[in-house]
Protein backbone atom coordinates (compact mmCIF):
# COMPACT_ATOMS: atom_id res chain seq x y z
CA MET A 1 0.11 0.02 -0.04
CA PRO A 2 1.53 3.26 -0.87
CA LEU A 3 2.11 6.12 1.47
CA PRO A 4 -0.51 9.01 1.58
CA ALA A 5 0.52 11.89 -0.73
CA LEU A 6 1.57 15.19 1.01
CA GLU A 7 1.54 18.31 -1.18
CA ILE A 8 2.62 21.92 -0.13
CA SER A 9 1.92 24.83 -2.39
CA GLY A 10 1.98 28.63 -2.19
CA CYS A 11 1.13 31.66 -3.97
CA VAL A 12 0.58 35.32 -4.20
CA ALA A 13 -2.65 36.59 -2.80
CA PHE A 14 -4.72 39.64 -3.60
CA ASP A 15 -7.90 40.81 -1.69
CA ALA A 16 -10.09 43.58 -3.09
CA GLY A 17 -13.34 44.87 -1.83
CA ARG A 18 -15.17 47.94 -0.83
CA LEU A 19 -15.00 50.03 2.33
CA GLU A 20 -17.98 51.69 3.59
CA VAL A 21 -17.86 53.48 6.79
CA ALA A 22 -20.01 56.33 8.45
CA GLY A 23 -19.77 58.11 11.67
CA VAL A 24 -22.96 57.77 13.79
CA ASP A 25 -24.04 60.06 16.66
CA VAL A 26 -20.88 62.10 16.68
CA ALA A 27 -20.25 65.93 15.74
CA SER A 28 -18.88 66.36 12.31
CA ALA A 29 -19.66 62.85 11.23
CA GLN A 30 -18.07 61.75 8.11
CA ARG A 31 -18.70 58.94 5.42
CA VAL A 32 -15.99 56.92 3.50
CA ASP A 33 -16.82 54.93 0.55
CA ARG A 34 -13.75 53.62 -1.42
CA PRO A 35 -11.94 50.53 -2.62
CA PHE A 36 -10.14 48.36 -0.14
CA ILE A 37 -7.07 46.52 -1.43
CA ALA A 38 -4.50 44.05 0.33
CA ALA A 39 -1.81 41.82 -1.03
CA GLY A 40 0.10 39.02 0.43
CA ILE A 41 0.97 35.29 0.30
CA THR A 42 -0.88 32.18 0.86
CA ALA A 43 0.22 28.57 1.68
CA ARG A 44 -1.62 25.45 1.48
CA LEU A 45 -0.91 21.92 2.75
CA GLU A 46 -2.94 19.08 1.38
CA TRP A 47 -2.77 15.39 2.59
CA GLU A 48 -4.34 12.58 0.59
CA ILE A 49 -5.79 10.27 3.19
CA VAL A 50 -6.80 7.38 1.12
CA HIS A 51 -7.30 7.38 -2.60
CA SER A 52 -9.33 10.61 -3.58
CA PHE A 53 -10.15 11.69 0.05
CA VAL A 54 -7.93 14.69 1.13
CA ILE A 55 -7.60 16.92 4.14
CA GLU A 56 -6.25 20.53 3.45
CA ALA A 57 -5.21 23.44 5.50
CA ALA A 58 -4.45 26.82 4.12
CA ALA A 59 -3.26 30.19 5.59
CA VAL A 60 -3.15 33.74 4.18
CA THR A 61 -1.17 36.79 5.35
CA LEU A 62 -2.19 40.05 3.90
CA VAL A 63 -0.78 43.64 4.09
CA PRO A 64 -3.50 46.46 3.39
CA VAL A 65 -2.35 49.04 0.86
CA VAL A 66 -3.96 51.69 3.04
CA ARG A 67 -3.95 51.60 6.82
CA ASP A 68 -7.35 53.28 7.69
CA ARG A 69 -7.53 55.11 11.02
CA PHE A 70 -10.87 55.65 12.73
CA PHE A 71 -10.96 58.69 15.10
CA LEU A 72 -12.94 60.97 17.27
CA GLY A 73 -11.94 64.60 17.25
CA ALA A 74 -8.46 65.63 16.06
CA GLY A 75 -6.48 62.84 18.03
CA GLU A 76 -8.40 60.27 19.74
CA THR A 77 -7.88 57.00 17.47
CA VAL A 78 -10.67 54.33 18.23
CA HIS A 79 -9.26 51.92 15.71
CA ARG A 80 -6.43 51.53 13.14
CA THR A 81 -6.32 49.00 10.40
CA SER A 82 -3.54 46.29 11.45
CA VAL A 83 -0.22 46.34 9.57
CA VAL A 84 -0.56 42.54 8.70
CA VAL A 85 -3.91 40.54 8.76
CA GLY A 86 -4.38 36.91 8.35
CA GLY A 87 -6.71 33.91 8.13
CA GLY A 88 -6.84 30.24 7.59
CA THR A 89 -9.12 27.35 6.56
CA ILE A 90 -9.25 23.59 7.20
CA GLY A 91 -11.27 21.31 4.69
CA LEU A 92 -11.99 17.68 3.96
CA GLY A 93 -12.74 16.84 0.30
CA VAL A 94 -12.99 14.40 -2.41
CA ARG A 95 -10.78 14.52 -5.41
CA TYR A 96 -12.26 13.27 -8.69
CA PRO A 97 -9.97 11.66 -11.20
């Protein structure tokens, strides 16, 4: 019986979306509606348990092009976009020949 196959891969990641933010119940509330873009890398590990059945795990690390700052008044920052963001997934699948 052959050993289970283990495959590791990686690639460039790109995330794009729309950022919509509006101040509520604050003086001089502002609204922002613009594109959001982040770039980074992703890594994926796939393990073929038995013929055609696989377990996979993936991780992504992204760096936003613009680090947004959300604030009250002139200098009280309530949130700032992280320098690096990430995520991951785990899955079970069937590979068709």
